[in-house]
Amino acid sequence: MPQNQLVIRTALALLAFAGNSLLCRLALKATTIDAATFTSIRLLSAAVTLWLILQITKGVRPKLGNWPSAVALFVYAAGFSLAYINLTAGTGALLLFGAVQITMIGAGLAKGERFTLLQILGVALAIAGLIGLVLPGLAAPPLSSAALMIVAGIAWGIYSLRGAGAADPLHVTAGNFLRTLPMTIVFSLVLFTHMQIDISGFAYAVTSGAITSGIGYAIWYSVLPHLRATQAATLQLSVPVIAAVAAVFLLGESASLRLVLASIAVLSGIALVIQQRGQIKRP
């Protein structure tokens, strides 16, 4: 892939990932749509979009995927939406991203990876940043919403770990999105009394599912083979920053000092771990 095309596609994918936070927060803040309905429409739209992409590009229907990964994907999407009822876009993106990376780092440790001193300090710094963000105080996000987003991040980390090394990640992801659809029905039925929808909320949910999720993942998987693992992980450090900055200009949110300091701690800590990854020694 030509270098300029790689740069453009990578930037579009990262913007799409940040866009998910912005669209969800905007829908739940500015329209009447409820979190369960947003989740259901988002997952359905993503499933349909990925199905169409596979049909058009490869002439096949998604047959791969598995139920444990689909459950992890659904928990991520549901927790993500429920959390954004009360979280700002920047805070939610940082909690989500931090939880994802710490989950994946923890999995590496559990498999026997040995970290350098700098990596250990990086993990400690990232965890301290997340703790500092949710500690009680005037600028602290609601604890229940923060907990939901952390659960969503852990679920996405598990989903990513389960899909690592897949021969055709786009095919697998399309299959997993399709498998979440029965779960969305149950989710919506459980929260039926809260069900609300309007045209704007519906449009934001479809955009989140079809464009920033479906097409966003398709673009990301097209560039991943051309990036080293550390490059891909480092590039994703920009997602919470993009979401926070865009939220200030597009949603009128303010970046509190607590969020800025927590972002510096979390992203710097994770960057230390990623950049030192090549120095990990196995027993």
C-alpha atoms as a PDB file:
ATOM      1  CA  MET A   1       0.000   0.000   0.000  1.00  0.00           C
ATOM      2  CA  PRO A   2       1.445   3.440  -0.952  1.00  0.00           C
ATOM      3  CA  GLN A   3       2.626   5.459   2.035  1.00  0.00           C
ATOM      4  CA  ASN A   4       0.245   8.382   1.474  1.00  0.00           C
ATOM      5  CA  GLN A   5      -2.715   6.001   1.221  1.00  0.00           C
ATOM      6  CA  LEU A   6      -1.606   4.259   4.422  1.00  0.00           C
ATOM      7  CA  VAL A   7      -1.443   7.580   6.276  1.00  0.00           C
ATOM      8  CA  ILE A   8      -4.889   8.657   5.054  1.00  0.00           C
ATOM      9  CA  ARG A   9      -6.557   5.343   5.897  1.00  0.00           C
ATOM     10  CA  THR A  10      -4.948   5.202   9.341  1.00  0.00           C
ATOM     11  CA  ALA A  11      -6.088   8.747  10.122  1.00  0.00           C
ATOM     12  CA  LEU A  12      -9.633   7.936   8.960  1.00  0.00           C
ATOM     13  CA  ALA A  13      -9.761   4.836  11.164  1.00  0.00           C
ATOM     14  CA  LEU A  14      -8.583   6.732  14.240  1.00  0.00           C
ATOM     15  CA  LEU A  15     -11.094   9.511  13.559  1.00  0.00           C
ATOM     16  CA  ALA A  16     -13.813   6.869  13.263  1.00  0.00           C
ATOM     17  CA  PHE A  17     -12.897   5.353  16.644  1.00  0.00           C
ATOM     18  CA  ALA A  18     -13.036   8.777  18.286  1.00  0.00           C
ATOM     19  CA  GLY A  19     -16.254   9.473  16.408  1.00  0.00           C
ATOM     20  CA  ASN A  20     -17.994   6.609  18.187  1.00  0.00           C
ATOM     21  CA  SER A  21     -17.615   8.427  21.499  1.00  0.00           C
ATOM     22  CA  LEU A  22     -18.781  11.722  20.046  1.00  0.00           C
ATOM     23  CA  LEU A  23     -21.838  10.250  18.304  1.00  0.00           C
ATOM     24  CA  CYS A  24     -22.958   8.251  21.331  1.00  0.00           C
ATOM     25  CA  ARG A  25     -22.569  11.172  23.709  1.00  0.00           C
ATOM     26  CA  LEU A  26     -24.293  13.548  21.276  1.00  0.00           C
ATOM     27  CA  ALA A  27     -27.216  11.158  20.760  1.00  0.00           C
ATOM     28  CA  LEU A  28     -27.790  10.579  24.470  1.00  0.00           C
ATOM     29  CA  LYS A  29     -27.304  14.251  25.352  1.00  0.00           C
ATOM     30  CA  ALA A  30     -29.139  16.048  22.566  1.00  0.00           C
ATOM     31  CA  THR A  31     -31.877  13.618  21.480  1.00  0.00           C
ATOM     32  CA  THR A  32     -34.476  11.464  23.216  1.00  0.00           C
ATOM     33  CA  ILE A  33     -33.051   8.089  22.155  1.00  0.00           C
ATOM     34  CA  ASP A  34     -32.312   5.720  25.053  1.00  0.00           C
ATOM     35  CA  ALA A  35     -29.056   3.812  25.530  1.00  0.00           C
ATOM     36  CA  ALA A  36     -30.503   0.358  24.756  1.00  0.00           C
ATOM     37  CA  THR A  37     -32.117   1.483  21.507  1.00  0.00           C
ATOM     38  CA  PHE A  38     -28.911   3.296  20.476  1.00  0.00           C
ATOM     39  CA  THR A  39     -26.914   0.122  21.148  1.00  0.00           C
ATOM     40  CA  SER A  40     -29.312  -2.086  19.205  1.00  0.00           C
ATOM     41  CA  ILE A  41     -29.397   0.201  16.175  1.00  0.00           C
ATOM     42  CA  ARG A  42     -25.620   0.645  16.266  1.00  0.00           C
ATOM     43  CA  LEU A  43     -24.926  -3.106  16.353  1.00  0.00           C
ATOM     44  CA  LEU A  44     -27.518  -3.874  13.670  1.00  0.00           C
ATOM     45  CA  SER A  45     -26.180  -1.126  11.398  1.00  0.00           C
ATOM     46  CA  ALA A  46     -22.599  -2.339  11.851  1.00  0.00           C
ATOM     47  CA  ALA A  47     -23.606  -5.956  11.136  1.00  0.00           C
ATOM     48  CA  VAL A  48     -25.430  -4.983   7.939  1.00  0.00           C
ATOM     49  CA  THR A  49     -22.566  -2.740   6.794  1.00  0.00           C
ATOM     50  CA  LEU A  50     -19.895  -5.387   7.378  1.00  0.00           C
ATOM     51  CA  TRP A  51     -22.089  -7.981   5.637  1.00  0.00           C
ATOM     52  CA  LEU A  52     -22.365  -5.684   2.599  1.00  0.00           C
ATOM     53  CA  ILE A  53     -18.611  -4.987   2.594  1.00  0.00           C
ATOM     54  CA  LEU A  54     -17.855  -8.714   2.555  1.00  0.00           C
ATOM     55  CA  GLN A  55     -20.408  -9.310  -0.190  1.00  0.00           C
ATOM     56  CA  ILE A  56     -19.051  -6.512  -2.364  1.00  0.00           C
ATOM     57  CA  THR A  57     -15.310  -7.068  -1.811  1.00  0.00           C
ATOM     58  CA  LYS A  58     -15.143 -10.849  -1.428  1.00  0.00           C
ATOM     59  CA  GLY A  59     -18.488 -12.167  -2.559  1.00  0.00           C
ATOM     60  CA  VAL A  60     -18.996 -14.065   0.699  1.00  0.00           C
ATOM     61  CA  ARG A  61     -21.288 -13.895   3.701  1.00  0.00           C
ATOM     62  CA  PRO A  62     -19.885 -13.765   7.262  1.00  0.00           C
ATOM     63  CA  LYS A  63     -19.777 -17.302   8.613  1.00  0.00           C
ATOM     64  CA  LEU A  64     -16.987 -16.960  11.139  1.00  0.00           C
ATOM     65  CA  GLY A  65     -17.024 -15.572  14.675  1.00  0.00           C
ATOM     66  CA  ASN A  66     -17.969 -17.274  17.925  1.00  0.00           C
ATOM     67  CA  TRP A  67     -20.389 -16.741  20.785  1.00  0.00           C
ATOM     68  CA  PRO A  68     -17.873 -15.878  23.562  1.00  0.00           C
ATOM     69  CA  SER A  69     -16.403 -13.092  21.413  1.00  0.00           C
ATOM     70  CA  ALA A  70     -19.890 -11.905  20.465  1.00  0.00           C
ATOM     71  CA  VAL A  71     -20.817 -11.686  24.161  1.00  0.00           C
ATOM     72  CA  ALA A  72     -17.683  -9.612  24.839  1.00  0.00           C
ATOM     73  CA  LEU A  73     -18.561  -7.354  21.892  1.00  0.00           C
ATOM     74  CA  PHE A  74     -22.112  -6.887  23.159  1.00  0.00           C
ATOM     75  CA  VAL A  75     -20.973  -6.127  26.740  1.00  0.00           C
ATOM     76  CA  TYR A  76     -18.618  -3.498  25.341  1.00  0.00           C
ATOM     77  CA  ALA A  77     -21.337  -1.856  23.215  1.00  0.00           C
ATOM     78  CA  ALA A  78     -23.998  -1.938  25.951  1.00  0.00           C
ATOM     79  CA  GLY A  79     -21.672  -0.666  28.697  1.00  0.00           C
ATOM     80  CA  PHE A  80     -20.364   2.024  26.335  1.00  0.00           C
ATOM     81  CA  SER A  81     -23.854   3.396  25.670  1.00  0.00           C
ATOM     82  CA  LEU A  82     -25.073   3.193  29.252  1.00  0.00           C
ATOM     83  CA  ALA A  83     -21.928   4.930  30.512  1.00  0.00           C
ATOM     84  CA  TYR A  84     -22.275   7.826  28.081  1.00  0.00           C
ATOM     85  CA  ILE A  85     -25.606   8.855  29.567  1.00  0.00           C
ATOM     86  CA  ASN A  86     -23.623  10.796  32.195  1.00  0.00           C
ATOM     87  CA  LEU A  87     -20.007  10.861  30.994  1.00  0.00           C
ATOM     88  CA  THR A  88     -18.428  13.499  28.787  1.00  0.00           C
ATOM     89  CA  ALA A  89     -16.968  12.253  25.503  1.00  0.00           C
ATOM     90  CA  GLY A  90     -13.360  12.881  26.563  1.00  0.00           C
ATOM     91  CA  THR A  91     -13.681  11.235  29.976  1.00  0.00           C
ATOM     92  CA  GLY A  92     -15.466   8.221  28.502  1.00  0.00           C
ATOM     93  CA  ALA A  93     -12.872   7.752  25.759  1.00  0.00           C
ATOM     94  CA  LEU A  94     -10.003   7.912  28.262  1.00  0.00           C
ATOM     95  CA  LEU A  95     -11.638   5.414  30.636  1.00  0.00           C
ATOM     96  CA  LEU A  96     -12.458   3.089  27.756  1.00  0.00           C
ATOM     97  CA  PHE A  97      -9.042   3.246  26.162  1.00  0.00           C
ATOM     98  CA  GLY A  98      -7.200   2.948  29.461  1.00  0.00           C
ATOM     99  CA  ALA A  99      -9.226  -0.102  30.497  1.00  0.00           C
ATOM    100  CA  VAL A 100      -8.676  -1.760  27.105  1.00  0.00           C
ATOM    101  CA  GLN A 101      -4.916  -1.327  27.201  1.00  0.00           C
ATOM    102  CA  ILE A 102      -4.525  -2.287  30.860  1.00  0.00           C
ATOM    103  CA  THR A 103      -6.587  -5.439  30.207  1.00  0.00           C
ATOM    104  CA  MET A 104      -4.337  -6.420  27.315  1.00  0.00           C
ATOM    105  CA  ILE A 105      -1.180  -5.599  29.265  1.00  0.00           C
ATOM    106  CA  GLY A 106      -2.478  -7.660  32.186  1.00  0.00           C
ATOM    107  CA  ALA A 107      -3.105 -10.584  29.837  1.00  0.00           C
ATOM    108  CA  GLY A 108       0.504 -10.384  28.704  1.00  0.00           C
ATOM    109  CA  LEU A 109       1.714 -10.515  32.288  1.00  0.00           C
ATOM    110  CA  ALA A 110      -0.562 -13.481  33.006  1.00  0.00           C
ATOM    111  CA  LYS A 111       1.004 -15.330  30.057  1.00  0.00           C
ATOM    112  CA  GLY A 112       4.466 -14.892  31.529  1.00  0.00           C
ATOM    113  CA  GLU A 113       5.741 -11.700  29.943  1.00  0.00           C
ATOM    114  CA  ARG A 114       8.406 -10.023  32.051  1.00  0.00           C
ATOM    115  CA  PHE A 115       8.329  -6.257  32.124  1.00  0.00           C
ATOM    116  CA  THR A 116      11.240  -3.910  32.418  1.00  0.00           C
ATOM    117  CA  LEU A 117      11.314  -1.405  35.269  1.00  0.00           C
ATOM    118  CA  LEU A 118      10.110   1.333  32.914  1.00  0.00           C
ATOM    119  CA  GLN A 119       7.167  -0.798  31.857  1.00  0.00           C
ATOM    120  CA  ILE A 120       6.219  -1.502  35.462  1.00  0.00           C
ATOM    121  CA  LEU A 121       6.370   2.234  36.158  1.00  0.00           C
ATOM    122  CA  GLY A 122       4.253   2.810  33.062  1.00  0.00           C
ATOM    123  CA  VAL A 123       1.544   0.412  34.219  1.00  0.00           C
ATOM    124  CA  ALA A 124       1.544   2.007  37.678  1.00  0.00           C
ATOM    125  CA  LEU A 125       1.297   5.492  36.150  1.00  0.00           C
ATOM    126  CA  ALA A 126      -1.617   4.494  33.893  1.00  0.00           C
ATOM    127  CA  ILE A 127      -3.545   2.871  36.742  1.00  0.00           C
ATOM    128  CA  ALA A 128      -2.865   5.871  38.990  1.00  0.00           C
ATOM    129  CA  GLY A 129      -4.230   8.141  36.261  1.00  0.00           C
ATOM    130  CA  LEU A 130      -7.471   6.175  36.012  1.00  0.00           C
ATOM    131  CA  ILE A 131      -7.850   6.096  39.800  1.00  0.00           C
ATOM    132  CA  GLY A 132      -7.169   9.821  39.997  1.00  0.00           C
ATOM    133  CA  LEU A 133      -9.832  10.472  37.369  1.00  0.00           C
ATOM    134  CA  VAL A 134     -12.596   8.664  39.264  1.00  0.00           C
ATOM    135  CA  LEU A 135     -11.696   9.658  42.829  1.00  0.00           C
ATOM    136  CA  PRO A 136     -14.512  11.587  44.544  1.00  0.00           C
ATOM    137  CA  GLY A 137     -14.475  15.322  43.977  1.00  0.00           C
ATOM    138  CA  LEU A 138     -16.264  18.137  42.180  1.00  0.00           C
ATOM    139  CA  ALA A 139     -14.730  17.225  38.813  1.00  0.00           C
ATOM    140  CA  ALA A 140     -15.079  13.463  39.207  1.00  0.00           C
ATOM    141  CA  PRO A 141     -17.346  11.607  36.755  1.00  0.00           C
ATOM    142  CA  PRO A 142     -20.302   9.653  38.219  1.00  0.00           C
ATOM    143  CA  LEU A 143     -18.816   6.496  39.712  1.00  0.00           C
ATOM    144  CA  SER A 144     -21.461   4.150  38.294  1.00  0.00           C
ATOM    145  CA  SER A 145     -20.983   5.536  34.775  1.00  0.00           C
ATOM    146  CA  ALA A 146     -17.198   5.351  35.100  1.00  0.00           C
ATOM    147  CA  ALA A 147     -17.504   1.738  36.263  1.00  0.00           C
ATOM    148  CA  LEU A 148     -19.710   0.886  33.268  1.00  0.00           C
ATOM    149  CA  MET A 149     -17.161   2.371  30.859  1.00  0.00           C
ATOM    150  CA  ILE A 150     -14.319   0.473  32.527  1.00  0.00           C
ATOM    151  CA  VAL A 151     -16.329  -2.750  32.170  1.00  0.00           C
ATOM    152  CA  ALA A 152     -16.878  -1.855  28.499  1.00  0.00           C
ATOM    153  CA  GLY A 153     -13.132  -1.347  28.105  1.00  0.00           C
ATOM    154  CA  ILE A 154     -12.315  -4.677  29.745  1.00  0.00           C
ATOM    155  CA  ALA A 155     -14.836  -6.398  27.445  1.00  0.00           C
ATOM    156  CA  TRP A 156     -13.290  -4.769  24.382  1.00  0.00           C
ATOM    157  CA  GLY A 157      -9.830  -5.795  25.591  1.00  0.00           C
ATOM    158  CA  ILE A 158     -11.028  -9.393  25.931  1.00  0.00           C
ATOM    159  CA  TYR A 159     -12.619  -9.216  22.487  1.00  0.00           C
ATOM    160  CA  SER A 160      -9.349  -7.923  21.006  1.00  0.00           C
ATOM    161  CA  LEU A 161      -7.312 -10.638  22.712  1.00  0.00           C
ATOM    162  CA  ARG A 162      -9.660 -13.352  21.471  1.00  0.00           C
ATOM    163  CA  GLY A 163      -9.403 -12.038  17.918  1.00  0.00           C
ATOM    164  CA  ALA A 164      -5.632 -11.567  17.893  1.00  0.00           C
ATOM    165  CA  GLY A 165      -4.027 -13.470  15.043  1.00  0.00           C
ATOM    166  CA  ALA A 166      -7.290 -14.178  13.200  1.00  0.00           C
ATOM    167  CA  ALA A 167      -6.624 -15.052   9.560  1.00  0.00           C
ATOM    168  CA  ASP A 168      -9.454 -12.782   8.386  1.00  0.00           C
ATOM    169  CA  PRO A 169     -10.305 -10.328  11.209  1.00  0.00           C
ATOM    170  CA  LEU A 170     -12.916  -8.459   9.148  1.00  0.00           C
ATOM    171  CA  HIS A 171     -14.771 -11.691   8.398  1.00  0.00           C
ATOM    172  CA  VAL A 172     -14.628 -12.706  12.064  1.00  0.00           C
ATOM    173  CA  THR A 173     -15.799  -9.284  13.257  1.00  0.00           C
ATOM    174  CA  ALA A 174     -18.737  -9.320  10.835  1.00  0.00           C
ATOM    175  CA  GLY A 175     -19.780 -12.725  12.176  1.00  0.00           C
ATOM    176  CA  ASN A 176     -19.504 -11.549  15.762  1.00  0.00           C
ATOM    177  CA  PHE A 177     -21.624  -8.458  15.093  1.00  0.00           C
ATOM    178  CA  LEU A 178     -24.330 -10.671  13.603  1.00  0.00           C
ATOM    179  CA  ARG A 179     -24.239 -12.882  16.700  1.00  0.00           C
ATOM    180  CA  THR A 180     -24.881  -9.890  18.964  1.00  0.00           C
ATOM    181  CA  LEU A 181     -28.293  -9.233  17.419  1.00  0.00           C
ATOM    182  CA  PRO A 182     -30.264 -11.701  19.597  1.00  0.00           C
ATOM    183  CA  MET A 183     -28.628 -10.094  22.645  1.00  0.00           C
ATOM    184  CA  THR A 184     -29.747  -6.631  21.533  1.00  0.00           C
ATOM    185  CA  ILE A 185     -33.346  -7.865  21.384  1.00  0.00           C
ATOM    186  CA  VAL A 186     -33.179  -9.121  24.973  1.00  0.00           C
ATOM    187  CA  PHE A 187     -31.411  -5.917  26.070  1.00  0.00           C
ATOM    188  CA  SER A 188     -34.110  -3.747  24.526  1.00  0.00           C
ATOM    189  CA  LEU A 189     -36.900  -5.868  26.016  1.00  0.00           C
ATOM    190  CA  VAL A 190     -35.374  -5.643  29.512  1.00  0.00           C
ATOM    191  CA  LEU A 191     -35.241  -1.840  29.230  1.00  0.00           C
ATOM    192  CA  PHE A 192     -38.486  -1.557  27.262  1.00  0.00           C
ATOM    193  CA  THR A 193     -40.041   0.918  29.723  1.00  0.00           C
ATOM    194  CA  HIS A 194     -37.195   3.378  28.983  1.00  0.00           C
ATOM    195  CA  MET A 195     -37.448   3.013  25.213  1.00  0.00           C
ATOM    196  CA  GLN A 196     -37.484   6.313  23.317  1.00  0.00           C
ATOM    197  CA  ILE A 197     -36.376   7.306  19.845  1.00  0.00           C
ATOM    198  CA  ASP A 198     -36.433  10.248  17.476  1.00  0.00           C
ATOM    199  CA  ILE A 199     -35.143  10.879  13.971  1.00  0.00           C
ATOM    200  CA  SER A 200     -31.904  12.557  15.080  1.00  0.00           C
ATOM    201  CA  GLY A 201     -31.100   9.841  17.632  1.00  0.00           C
ATOM    202  CA  PHE A 202     -31.795   7.157  15.046  1.00  0.00           C
ATOM    203  CA  ALA A 203     -29.506   8.894  12.544  1.00  0.00           C
ATOM    204  CA  TYR A 204     -26.666   9.179  15.063  1.00  0.00           C
ATOM    205  CA  ALA A 205     -27.000   5.476  15.966  1.00  0.00           C
ATOM    206  CA  VAL A 206     -26.977   4.390  12.316  1.00  0.00           C
ATOM    207  CA  THR A 207     -23.965   6.610  11.622  1.00  0.00           C
ATOM    208  CA  SER A 208     -22.139   5.156  14.624  1.00  0.00           C
ATOM    209  CA  GLY A 209     -22.888   1.620  13.504  1.00  0.00           C
ATOM    210  CA  ALA A 210     -22.481   1.877   9.750  1.00  0.00           C
ATOM    211  CA  ILE A 211     -19.690   4.438   9.420  1.00  0.00           C
ATOM    212  CA  THR A 212     -17.608   4.844  12.591  1.00  0.00           C
ATOM    213  CA  SER A 213     -17.953   1.164  13.544  1.00  0.00           C
ATOM    214  CA  GLY A 214     -18.513  -0.884  10.370  1.00  0.00           C
ATOM    215  CA  ILE A 215     -16.542   1.124   7.828  1.00  0.00           C
ATOM    216  CA  GLY A 216     -14.110   2.291  10.529  1.00  0.00           C
ATOM    217  CA  TYR A 217     -13.194  -1.289  11.450  1.00  0.00           C
ATOM    218  CA  ALA A 218     -12.930  -2.265   7.764  1.00  0.00           C
ATOM    219  CA  ILE A 219     -10.447   0.562   7.146  1.00  0.00           C
ATOM    220  CA  TRP A 220      -8.466  -0.279  10.300  1.00  0.00           C
ATOM    221  CA  TYR A 221      -8.139  -3.943   9.346  1.00  0.00           C
ATOM    222  CA  SER A 222      -6.934  -2.907   5.879  1.00  0.00           C
ATOM    223  CA  VAL A 223      -4.008  -0.945   7.365  1.00  0.00           C
ATOM    224  CA  LEU A 224      -3.104  -3.276  10.241  1.00  0.00           C
ATOM    225  CA  PRO A 225      -1.010  -5.647   8.056  1.00  0.00           C
ATOM    226  CA  HIS A 226       1.151  -2.644   7.110  1.00  0.00           C
ATOM    227  CA  LEU A 227       1.793  -1.523  10.705  1.00  0.00           C
ATOM    228  CA  ARG A 228       3.983  -3.039  13.379  1.00  0.00           C
ATOM    229  CA  ALA A 229       2.092  -4.028  16.523  1.00  0.00           C
ATOM    230  CA  THR A 230       3.781  -1.263  18.509  1.00  0.00           C
ATOM    231  CA  GLN A 231       2.928   1.289  15.809  1.00  0.00           C
ATOM    232  CA  ALA A 232      -0.743   0.289  15.844  1.00  0.00           C
ATOM    233  CA  ALA A 233      -0.916   0.413  19.633  1.00  0.00           C
ATOM    234  CA  THR A 234       0.881   3.760  19.802  1.00  0.00           C
ATOM    235  CA  LEU A 235      -1.350   5.303  17.147  1.00  0.00           C
ATOM    236  CA  GLN A 236      -4.402   4.383  19.185  1.00  0.00           C
ATOM    237  CA  LEU A 237      -3.075   6.611  21.969  1.00  0.00           C
ATOM    238  CA  SER A 238      -4.403   9.498  19.903  1.00  0.00           C
ATOM    239  CA  VAL A 239      -8.047   8.360  20.079  1.00  0.00           C
ATOM    240  CA  PRO A 240      -8.926   9.739  23.557  1.00  0.00           C
ATOM    241  CA  VAL A 241      -7.115  12.979  22.711  1.00  0.00           C
ATOM    242  CA  ILE A 242      -9.025  13.363  19.428  1.00  0.00           C
ATOM    243  CA  ALA A 243     -12.313  12.648  21.218  1.00  0.00           C
ATOM    244  CA  ALA A 244     -11.605  15.120  24.028  1.00  0.00           C
ATOM    245  CA  VAL A 245     -10.503  17.937  21.706  1.00  0.00           C
ATOM    246  CA  ALA A 246     -13.384  17.375  19.292  1.00  0.00           C
ATOM    247  CA  ALA A 247     -15.863  17.322  22.196  1.00  0.00           C
ATOM    248  CA  VAL A 248     -14.711  20.773  23.283  1.00  0.00           C
ATOM    249  CA  PHE A 249     -15.417  22.256  19.846  1.00  0.00           C
ATOM    250  CA  LEU A 250     -18.373  20.146  18.696  1.00  0.00           C
ATOM    251  CA  LEU A 251     -20.225  19.386  21.932  1.00  0.00           C
ATOM    252  CA  GLY A 252     -19.276  22.397  24.023  1.00  0.00           C
ATOM    253  CA  GLU A 253     -17.641  20.237  26.701  1.00  0.00           C
ATOM    254  CA  SER A 254     -14.877  21.595  28.908  1.00  0.00           C
ATOM    255  CA  ALA A 255     -11.584  19.862  29.540  1.00  0.00           C
ATOM    256  CA  SER A 256     -11.118  19.917  33.323  1.00  0.00           C
ATOM    257  CA  LEU A 257      -7.675  19.997  34.894  1.00  0.00           C
ATOM    258  CA  ARG A 258      -8.402  16.561  36.366  1.00  0.00           C
ATOM    259  CA  LEU A 259      -9.103  15.121  32.898  1.00  0.00           C
ATOM    260  CA  VAL A 260      -5.978  16.726  31.420  1.00  0.00           C
ATOM    261  CA  LEU A 261      -3.714  15.395  34.206  1.00  0.00           C
ATOM    262  CA  ALA A 262      -5.339  11.945  34.108  1.00  0.00           C
ATOM    263  CA  SER A 263      -4.927  11.835  30.325  1.00  0.00           C
ATOM    264  CA  ILE A 264      -1.244  12.679  30.586  1.00  0.00           C
ATOM    265  CA  ALA A 265      -0.712   9.993  33.239  1.00  0.00           C
ATOM    266  CA  VAL A 266      -2.700   7.246  31.487  1.00  0.00           C
ATOM    267  CA  LEU A 267      -1.435   7.857  27.963  1.00  0.00           C
ATOM    268  CA  SER A 268       2.175   8.393  29.046  1.00  0.00           C
ATOM    269  CA  GLY A 269       2.101   5.247  31.157  1.00  0.00           C
ATOM    270  CA  ILE A 270       0.690   3.109  28.370  1.00  0.00           C
ATOM    271  CA  ALA A 271       3.145   4.637  25.882  1.00  0.00           C
ATOM    272  CA  LEU A 272       6.019   3.563  28.135  1.00  0.00           C
ATOM    273  CA  VAL A 273       4.757  -0.008  28.144  1.00  0.00           C
ATOM    274  CA  ILE A 274       4.211  -0.114  24.386  1.00  0.00           C
ATOM    275  CA  GLN A 275       7.507   1.473  23.418  1.00  0.00           C
ATOM    276  CA  GLN A 276       9.429  -0.880  25.690  1.00  0.00           C
ATOM    277  CA  ARG A 277       7.533  -3.942  24.456  1.00  0.00           C
ATOM    278  CA  GLY A 278      10.414  -5.159  22.384  1.00  0.00           C
ATOM    279  CA  GLN A 279      12.500  -5.473  25.549  1.00  0.00           C
ATOM    280  CA  ILE A 280      10.107  -7.923  27.255  1.00  0.00           C
ATOM    281  CA  LYS A 281      11.870 -11.114  28.209  1.00  0.00           C
ATOM    282  CA  ARG A 282      10.090 -14.418  28.390  1.00  0.00           C
ATOM    283  CA  PRO A 283      11.078 -17.105  30.905  1.00  0.00           C
END
